[in-house]
Amino acid sequence: MTSTSITEDSIKSALTERLGATHVEVQDMSGGCGQSFTSLIVSPEFAGKNSLKRHRLVNAALKTEISQIHAWSAKCQTPEEWEKERASTGGNDGPPLDGTADGKVEGVSQ
């Protein structure tokens, strides 16, 4: 199996294409080595689905990519949920950064 380089842009493109995502933010939390990513995914495909079903959709859409990285987390919202959250937070949303130091996984170097 040939390993391809997984990047923020490649994940963003895949999610936009495969899930019809209207907004995607992806952050490489591994310091640039492409082994740990977090994301915010906004897609109408999530409407009427609970959190588990949303994450299963994302994992299925990124099956190949996820198999090549070490860690993956996603925040999945419908366009309506995203707009409501943006309004309440003043636009300061984004991918979850839990367990990081300034958005990077501790102990990882480039």
N, C-alpha and C. Protein backbone atom coordinates (compact mmCIF):
# COMPACT_ATOMS: atom_id res chain seq x y z
N MET A 1 0.84 -1.18 0.00
CA MET A 1 0.00 0.00 0.00
C MET A 1 0.88 1.24 0.00
N THR A 2 0.62 2.14 -0.92
CA THR A 2 1.39 3.37 -1.03
C THR A 2 0.82 4.41 -0.08
N SER A 3 1.67 4.98 0.74
CA SER A 3 1.24 6.01 1.67
C SER A 3 1.30 7.38 1.00
N THR A 4 0.19 8.08 1.06
CA THR A 4 0.17 9.43 0.51
C THR A 4 0.19 10.42 1.65
N SER A 5 0.63 11.62 1.36
CA SER A 5 0.70 12.64 2.38
C SER A 5 -0.69 13.21 2.65
N ILE A 6 -1.10 13.12 3.89
CA ILE A 6 -2.38 13.67 4.32
C ILE A 6 -2.11 15.08 4.85
N THR A 7 -2.86 16.06 4.33
CA THR A 7 -2.67 17.44 4.74
C THR A 7 -4.02 18.04 5.13
N GLU A 8 -3.96 19.22 5.73
CA GLU A 8 -5.18 19.95 6.05
C GLU A 8 -6.01 20.15 4.79
N ASP A 9 -5.36 20.55 3.71
CA ASP A 9 -6.06 20.81 2.45
C ASP A 9 -6.66 19.55 1.85
N SER A 10 -5.94 18.44 1.91
CA SER A 10 -6.48 17.21 1.32
C SER A 10 -7.70 16.71 2.10
N ILE A 11 -7.68 16.85 3.41
CA ILE A 11 -8.83 16.45 4.23
C ILE A 11 -10.00 17.39 3.95
N LYS A 12 -9.73 18.68 3.89
CA LYS A 12 -10.78 19.66 3.62
C LYS A 12 -11.44 19.38 2.27
N SER A 13 -10.65 19.13 1.25
CA SER A 13 -11.19 18.84 -0.07
C SER A 13 -12.03 17.57 -0.07
N ALA A 14 -11.55 16.54 0.61
CA ALA A 14 -12.29 15.28 0.67
C ALA A 14 -13.64 15.46 1.36
N LEU A 15 -13.66 16.19 2.46
CA LEU A 15 -14.92 16.40 3.19
C LEU A 15 -15.89 17.25 2.39
N THR A 16 -15.38 18.25 1.72
CA THR A 16 -16.24 19.11 0.91
C THR A 16 -16.88 18.30 -0.22
N GLU A 17 -16.08 17.49 -0.86
CA GLU A 17 -16.56 16.68 -1.98
C GLU A 17 -17.45 15.53 -1.53
N ARG A 18 -17.03 14.79 -0.54
CA ARG A 18 -17.73 13.54 -0.16
C ARG A 18 -18.95 13.75 0.73
N LEU A 19 -18.97 14.84 1.50
CA LEU A 19 -20.10 15.08 2.39
C LEU A 19 -20.92 16.31 1.99
N GLY A 20 -20.55 16.95 0.92
CA GLY A 20 -21.25 18.17 0.53
C GLY A 20 -21.15 19.24 1.60
N ALA A 21 -20.01 19.26 2.28
CA ALA A 21 -19.80 20.21 3.38
C ALA A 21 -19.80 21.64 2.85
N THR A 22 -20.47 22.51 3.58
CA THR A 22 -20.53 23.92 3.19
C THR A 22 -19.45 24.74 3.86
N HIS A 23 -18.87 24.21 4.93
CA HIS A 23 -17.77 24.87 5.63
C HIS A 23 -16.93 23.78 6.31
N VAL A 24 -15.63 23.85 6.12
CA VAL A 24 -14.71 22.89 6.74
C VAL A 24 -13.48 23.64 7.23
N GLU A 25 -13.11 23.38 8.48
CA GLU A 25 -11.85 23.87 9.02
C GLU A 25 -11.09 22.64 9.51
N VAL A 26 -9.85 22.52 9.11
CA VAL A 26 -9.01 21.40 9.53
C VAL A 26 -7.72 21.97 10.06
N GLN A 27 -7.28 21.45 11.20
CA GLN A 27 -6.02 21.90 11.78
C GLN A 27 -5.13 20.70 12.06
N ASP A 28 -3.90 20.76 11.54
CA ASP A 28 -2.89 19.74 11.83
C ASP A 28 -2.33 20.05 13.20
N MET A 29 -2.59 19.18 14.16
CA MET A 29 -2.16 19.39 15.54
C MET A 29 -0.84 18.69 15.85
N SER A 30 -0.23 18.09 14.84
CA SER A 30 0.99 17.33 15.07
C SER A 30 2.25 18.11 14.77
N GLY A 31 2.11 19.40 14.55
CA GLY A 31 3.30 20.21 14.27
C GLY A 31 3.75 20.09 12.83
N GLY A 32 2.88 19.64 11.96
CA GLY A 32 3.20 19.59 10.54
C GLY A 32 3.53 18.23 9.98
N CYS A 33 3.59 17.20 10.82
CA CYS A 33 3.95 15.88 10.30
C CYS A 33 2.74 15.11 9.77
N GLY A 34 1.54 15.67 9.91
CA GLY A 34 0.36 15.05 9.32
C GLY A 34 -0.14 13.81 10.02
N GLN A 35 0.04 13.73 11.33
CA GLN A 35 -0.39 12.54 12.06
C GLN A 35 -1.55 12.77 13.02
N SER A 36 -1.93 14.02 13.25
CA SER A 36 -3.01 14.34 14.18
C SER A 36 -3.77 15.55 13.67
N PHE A 37 -5.08 15.36 13.47
CA PHE A 37 -5.90 16.44 12.93
C PHE A 37 -7.16 16.63 13.76
N THR A 38 -7.64 17.85 13.80
CA THR A 38 -8.93 18.18 14.38
C THR A 38 -9.69 18.99 13.34
N SER A 39 -11.01 18.92 13.41
CA SER A 39 -11.77 19.60 12.36
C SER A 39 -13.13 20.08 12.84
N LEU A 40 -13.65 21.05 12.11
CA LEU A 40 -15.02 21.52 12.22
C LEU A 40 -15.63 21.28 10.85
N ILE A 41 -16.72 20.50 10.81
CA ILE A 41 -17.35 20.15 9.55
C ILE A 41 -18.81 20.58 9.60
N VAL A 42 -19.21 21.40 8.63
CA VAL A 42 -20.59 21.86 8.54
C VAL A 42 -21.18 21.27 7.26
N SER A 43 -22.22 20.45 7.43
CA SER A 43 -22.82 19.81 6.27
C SER A 43 -24.32 19.61 6.47
N PRO A 44 -25.10 19.85 5.43
CA PRO A 44 -26.53 19.56 5.52
C PRO A 44 -26.80 18.06 5.67
N GLU A 45 -25.82 17.23 5.36
CA GLU A 45 -25.96 15.77 5.52
C GLU A 45 -26.17 15.37 6.98
N PHE A 46 -25.80 16.24 7.92
CA PHE A 46 -25.92 15.93 9.34
C PHE A 46 -27.32 16.16 9.90
N ALA A 47 -28.18 16.82 9.13
CA ALA A 47 -29.54 17.15 9.61
C ALA A 47 -30.28 15.88 10.00
N GLY A 48 -30.89 15.91 11.19
CA GLY A 48 -31.67 14.78 11.67
C GLY A 48 -30.87 13.62 12.19
N LYS A 49 -29.53 13.76 12.25
CA LYS A 49 -28.68 12.67 12.74
C LYS A 49 -28.06 13.06 14.07
N ASN A 50 -27.97 12.08 14.97
CA ASN A 50 -27.32 12.35 16.25
C ASN A 50 -25.79 12.38 16.06
N SER A 51 -25.10 12.71 17.12
CA SER A 51 -23.64 12.86 17.06
C SER A 51 -22.95 11.60 16.56
N LEU A 52 -23.36 10.44 17.04
CA LEU A 52 -22.73 9.18 16.63
C LEU A 52 -22.89 8.96 15.13
N LYS A 53 -24.09 9.17 14.61
CA LYS A 53 -24.33 8.97 13.18
C LYS A 53 -23.55 9.98 12.34
N ARG A 54 -23.41 11.19 12.83
CA ARG A 54 -22.62 12.20 12.11
C ARG A 54 -21.16 11.77 12.03
N HIS A 55 -20.62 11.31 13.16
CA HIS A 55 -19.22 10.89 13.17
C HIS A 55 -19.01 9.65 12.31
N ARG A 56 -19.97 8.76 12.28
CA ARG A 56 -19.86 7.59 11.41
C ARG A 56 -19.82 8.00 9.94
N LEU A 57 -20.64 9.00 9.57
CA LEU A 57 -20.61 9.51 8.19
C LEU A 57 -19.23 10.05 7.84
N VAL A 58 -18.68 10.84 8.75
CA VAL A 58 -17.35 11.43 8.53
C VAL A 58 -16.30 10.34 8.43
N ASN A 59 -16.32 9.39 9.35
CA ASN A 59 -15.33 8.31 9.34
C ASN A 59 -15.42 7.48 8.07
N ALA A 60 -16.64 7.24 7.59
CA ALA A 60 -16.80 6.50 6.34
C ALA A 60 -16.27 7.31 5.16
N ALA A 61 -16.54 8.61 5.16
CA ALA A 61 -16.08 9.47 4.07
C ALA A 61 -14.56 9.58 4.03
N LEU A 62 -13.93 9.49 5.20
CA LEU A 62 -12.46 9.62 5.29
C LEU A 62 -11.77 8.31 5.65
N LYS A 63 -12.37 7.20 5.29
CA LYS A 63 -11.84 5.89 5.67
C LYS A 63 -10.36 5.72 5.30
N THR A 64 -10.02 6.07 4.08
CA THR A 64 -8.63 5.91 3.63
C THR A 64 -7.69 6.84 4.38
N GLU A 65 -8.11 8.10 4.51
CA GLU A 65 -7.26 9.09 5.18
C GLU A 65 -7.05 8.75 6.65
N ILE A 66 -8.13 8.39 7.33
CA ILE A 66 -8.04 8.08 8.77
C ILE A 66 -7.14 6.88 9.02
N SER A 67 -7.13 5.94 8.09
CA SER A 67 -6.27 4.75 8.28
C SER A 67 -4.79 5.09 8.22
N GLN A 68 -4.46 6.28 7.70
CA GLN A 68 -3.06 6.67 7.54
C GLN A 68 -2.56 7.67 8.58
N ILE A 69 -3.45 8.09 9.49
CA ILE A 69 -3.04 9.05 10.51
C ILE A 69 -3.20 8.45 11.89
N HIS A 70 -2.64 9.11 12.88
CA HIS A 70 -2.64 8.60 14.24
C HIS A 70 -3.87 9.04 15.03
N ALA A 71 -4.26 10.30 14.90
CA ALA A 71 -5.36 10.83 15.71
C ALA A 71 -6.26 11.73 14.88
N TRP A 72 -7.57 11.64 15.16
CA TRP A 72 -8.55 12.41 14.41
C TRP A 72 -9.70 12.79 15.32
N SER A 73 -10.11 14.04 15.29
CA SER A 73 -11.31 14.45 16.01
C SER A 73 -12.10 15.40 15.12
N ALA A 74 -13.41 15.39 15.30
CA ALA A 74 -14.27 16.21 14.45
C ALA A 74 -15.43 16.78 15.25
N LYS A 75 -15.76 18.01 14.94
CA LYS A 75 -16.96 18.66 15.46
C LYS A 75 -17.88 18.77 14.24
N CYS A 76 -19.05 18.13 14.32
CA CYS A 76 -19.96 18.04 13.18
C CYS A 76 -21.23 18.83 13.45
N GLN A 77 -21.53 19.77 12.56
CA GLN A 77 -22.71 20.61 12.73
C GLN A 77 -23.46 20.77 11.41
N THR A 78 -24.78 21.00 11.54
CA THR A 78 -25.57 21.38 10.38
C THR A 78 -25.30 22.87 10.12
N PRO A 79 -25.62 23.36 8.93
CA PRO A 79 -25.45 24.80 8.68
C PRO A 79 -26.21 25.66 9.69
N GLU A 80 -27.40 25.24 10.09
CA GLU A 80 -28.19 26.00 11.06
C GLU A 80 -27.52 26.03 12.43
N GLU A 81 -27.00 24.89 12.87
CA GLU A 81 -26.31 24.83 14.17
C GLU A 81 -25.06 25.70 14.15
N TRP A 82 -24.35 25.67 13.04
CA TRP A 82 -23.11 26.45 12.91
C TRP A 82 -23.41 27.94 12.96
N GLU A 83 -24.43 28.37 12.23
CA GLU A 83 -24.80 29.79 12.23
C GLU A 83 -25.24 30.25 13.63
N LYS A 84 -26.01 29.42 14.30
CA LYS A 84 -26.47 29.75 15.66
C LYS A 84 -25.28 29.88 16.61
N GLU A 85 -24.33 28.95 16.53
CA GLU A 85 -23.15 29.00 17.41
C GLU A 85 -22.28 30.20 17.08
N ARG A 86 -22.11 30.50 15.81
CA ARG A 86 -21.30 31.67 15.40
C ARG A 86 -21.92 32.95 15.94
N ALA A 87 -23.24 33.03 15.91
CA ALA A 87 -23.92 34.21 16.42
C ALA A 87 -23.73 34.35 17.93
N SER A 88 -23.75 33.22 18.65
CA SER A 88 -23.62 33.28 20.10
C SER A 88 -22.19 33.45 20.58
N THR A 89 -21.20 33.08 19.75
CA THR A 89 -19.80 33.19 20.15
C THR A 89 -19.09 34.35 19.48
N GLY A 90 -19.81 35.09 18.68
CA GLY A 90 -19.18 36.20 17.96
C GLY A 90 -18.26 35.73 16.85
N GLY A 91 -18.49 34.52 16.33
CA GLY A 91 -17.68 34.00 15.23
C GLY A 91 -16.43 33.29 15.67
N ASN A 92 -16.23 33.12 16.98
CA ASN A 92 -15.03 32.46 17.49
C ASN A 92 -15.25 30.97 17.65
N ASP A 93 -15.56 30.30 16.55
CA ASP A 93 -15.72 28.86 16.60
C ASP A 93 -14.48 28.23 15.99
N GLY A 94 -14.55 26.99 15.67
CA GLY A 94 -13.41 26.32 15.04
C GLY A 94 -13.32 24.90 15.51
N PRO A 95 -12.30 24.22 15.05
CA PRO A 95 -12.13 22.82 15.45
C PRO A 95 -11.87 22.70 16.94
N PRO A 96 -12.23 21.58 17.54
CA PRO A 96 -11.95 21.38 18.96
C PRO A 96 -10.45 21.27 19.20
N LEU A 97 -9.97 21.94 20.25
CA LEU A 97 -8.53 21.92 20.56
C LEU A 97 -8.26 21.30 21.94
N ASP A 98 -9.19 20.49 22.42
CA ASP A 98 -9.02 19.85 23.72
C ASP A 98 -7.74 19.01 23.74
N GLY A 99 -7.04 19.04 24.83
CA GLY A 99 -5.84 18.22 24.99
C GLY A 99 -4.63 18.73 24.23
N THR A 100 -4.64 20.01 23.88
CA THR A 100 -3.51 20.56 23.14
C THR A 100 -2.87 21.71 23.91
N ALA A 101 -1.70 22.08 23.46
CA ALA A 101 -1.01 23.26 23.97
C ALA A 101 -0.89 24.21 22.79
N ASP A 102 -1.67 25.28 22.80
CA ASP A 102 -1.70 26.24 21.69
C ASP A 102 -2.02 25.57 20.36
N GLY A 103 -2.94 24.58 20.39
CA GLY A 103 -3.37 23.92 19.17
C GLY A 103 -2.44 22.85 18.66
N LYS A 104 -1.43 22.48 19.41
CA LYS A 104 -0.51 21.42 19.01
C LYS A 104 -0.50 20.34 20.10
N VAL A 105 -0.36 19.10 19.67
CA VAL A 105 -0.28 18.00 20.61
C VAL A 105 1.05 18.09 21.34
N GLU A 106 1.01 18.05 22.67
CA GLU A 106 2.24 18.16 23.46
C GLU A 106 3.15 16.95 23.21
N GLY A 107 4.44 17.20 23.18
CA GLY A 107 5.42 16.14 23.03
C GLY A 107 5.69 15.76 21.58
N VAL A 108 5.11 16.48 20.64
CA VAL A 108 5.33 16.18 19.23
C VAL A 108 6.22 17.26 18.64
N SER A 109 7.26 16.83 17.96
CA SER A 109 8.14 17.79 17.30
C SER A 109 8.17 17.48 15.82
N GLN A 110 8.55 18.48 15.04
CA GLN A 110 8.61 18.29 13.59
C GLN A 110 9.85 17.59 13.19
